[in-house]
Amino acid sequence: MPLPESVLALDSLLNSLRNHKTDLLLQLEQIDSNIAAAERKRAKLCNDATFISKLPPELLSHIFLLCQKDHPAFQLVATQVCTRWRDMSIGTPMLWADIRVHVEHPSHLQLGLDKMETYLSRSGPSTLFAVRLTADANMDFSPFLKLIANHISRCSHLSVRAWRNIKASWLLREHLECLRAPHLLYLALHIDWADVGSYNRIMCDTPSIFKAGAPSLTSLQLTGYASALRPPISDGITTLHLDGVYMLKLSVLEYRQILGANRCLLNLSLRGLKIDSDSPTSIESQALELPMLRSLRIHATEITRASLNALLNALPLYRLESLVLCDVDNFCSSEFPNVKDLSLHRCALPAEQIGHLLVAFPSVTRLTLESESLLYVALSIGGSETARLPILWPKLRIFCVRDLTVRNNVSALLKLVQERTRMNHPLDFLYLDSASRRRSANILRALEVLTNIGRANDDPDPWPPGADMDSAEDDSFWDID
């Protein structure tokens, strides 16, 4: 195209060309928009033609819930697949009923708060929800507590863990003190020790939180300085975990009053709970009426033998079917005639007490041991080749070995299995954790000839017995202080 020779004519031509370019760009933008719309329509038609898109909404919602069991963040992934899945995910309240917020730094506070608000909103006004809040730093986490308090009427599971926070106990009491939680089934509070600050170290026997009532509460877990906090105790509580490591000593009477208020107690866990065994009481030797008690855990952190005896004397030991002892270095003279599942962890019992240990548990069918007590117990259980002593613990069928460390214990383990087989009381299963399998590699083939070998979890079994490993809360029971 020939160009004009004058400036005015060129300016006019340039303006015309620029306007034409603008029109073409607008047309191109519209074409791109039409292409994108057509692609979306095509994708939707293709999605609608697939089998899963033809499923009824209630069935697809159920599938989403099943997927969430193995993938806790599945509901977030589902919102990014397609419009139907996003609508279905947001419209399924149960997908948002498990709220887990972990705030590691004050700068993450708002992000965690937004997440909790979103989940509470999407879980709907009538769906029961569970919330697990962990605050790592010394921060004011009261906005979370305010939000939980506003929805407490439909909260079924509340777990709060505060690390290095000197105001945690005060914040929890401030926001939970006067509440009523009609549907709360599970309550777990943990307040870790901080370098500075004063703490209430008295394990009170009167309610300090949920004073208006928590009538549905069945499981209560108080650890660290949270043991100074307490909801109303009712006959509905079946599982109780108390941590007394940071608490002052209880009198025998106070201890008995706390347990006596839980008449339906099925599972009891005590960590570092110290009893003033010198406190006068006329009923110290009488066992409490706890007709449902079947499972007991005791971690004897800083507990004297007198305190341990006081702990046990208040309990109907003949009712127990499961017992876990950790860091117990002095075994009392009590008897446990019906305990079938016995676990000893880090129990460095002296040799002179091994005999009573074996006599005290005549009904054991499952035994879990760590290396400290393995050598003595293994040699005793197997009987004597020369004296032909009768087998001890004749009902023992399952043996779980953890942390097999001493070389002599490897040969003792083989001897134990051989002796029981020789005396017609063989083990049905022998479970070894990863460390024990490595250290007993040279005898595994011999063991496999005698019994079934299985793999034990490297972590202790979840508690109470029968609990799901994935859903079990960390109650600090195994911590070494």
Foldseek 3Di string as FASTA:
>chain_A
DDQDDDPVRNVVVVVVVVVVVVVVVVVVVVVVVVVVVVVLVVVVVVVCPDPVVPDDLVVNLVVQVVVCVVPVCSLVVQLPPHPVSVCSSLQNLVNLQEAEAEAEDPVCLVVRLVSNVSSVVSNDLAAAHAYAYEYADQDPNLVVLQVCQVNLQRYAHYHYAYHQHQCVLVSQLVSFQQAARARHAYYAYHYADHPDHDAAQAQDPDARGNAVYHPNYAEYFAYDRSSNHDHDQALNHAYYEHENQSHDADELVSVLSNVLRHLQHAEYEYECHEYPLPDDDPCQQPAHNNPRHAYYEYENAVYDPSRVCSVPSNHPLQRYQYYEYEQAAEDDQAARARHAHYEYYPHQYDLVCLVSVLVRYQRHAEYEYEQNCQQSNLVVQLDDPVVPDDGTNLNHAEYEYAHNDDLNSLVSVLSSQVSCVVNVSHHAEYEYEPNRCVSNVVCVVVVVVRYHYHYDYNDDDAPDPPDDPVPGDCSCRPPDD
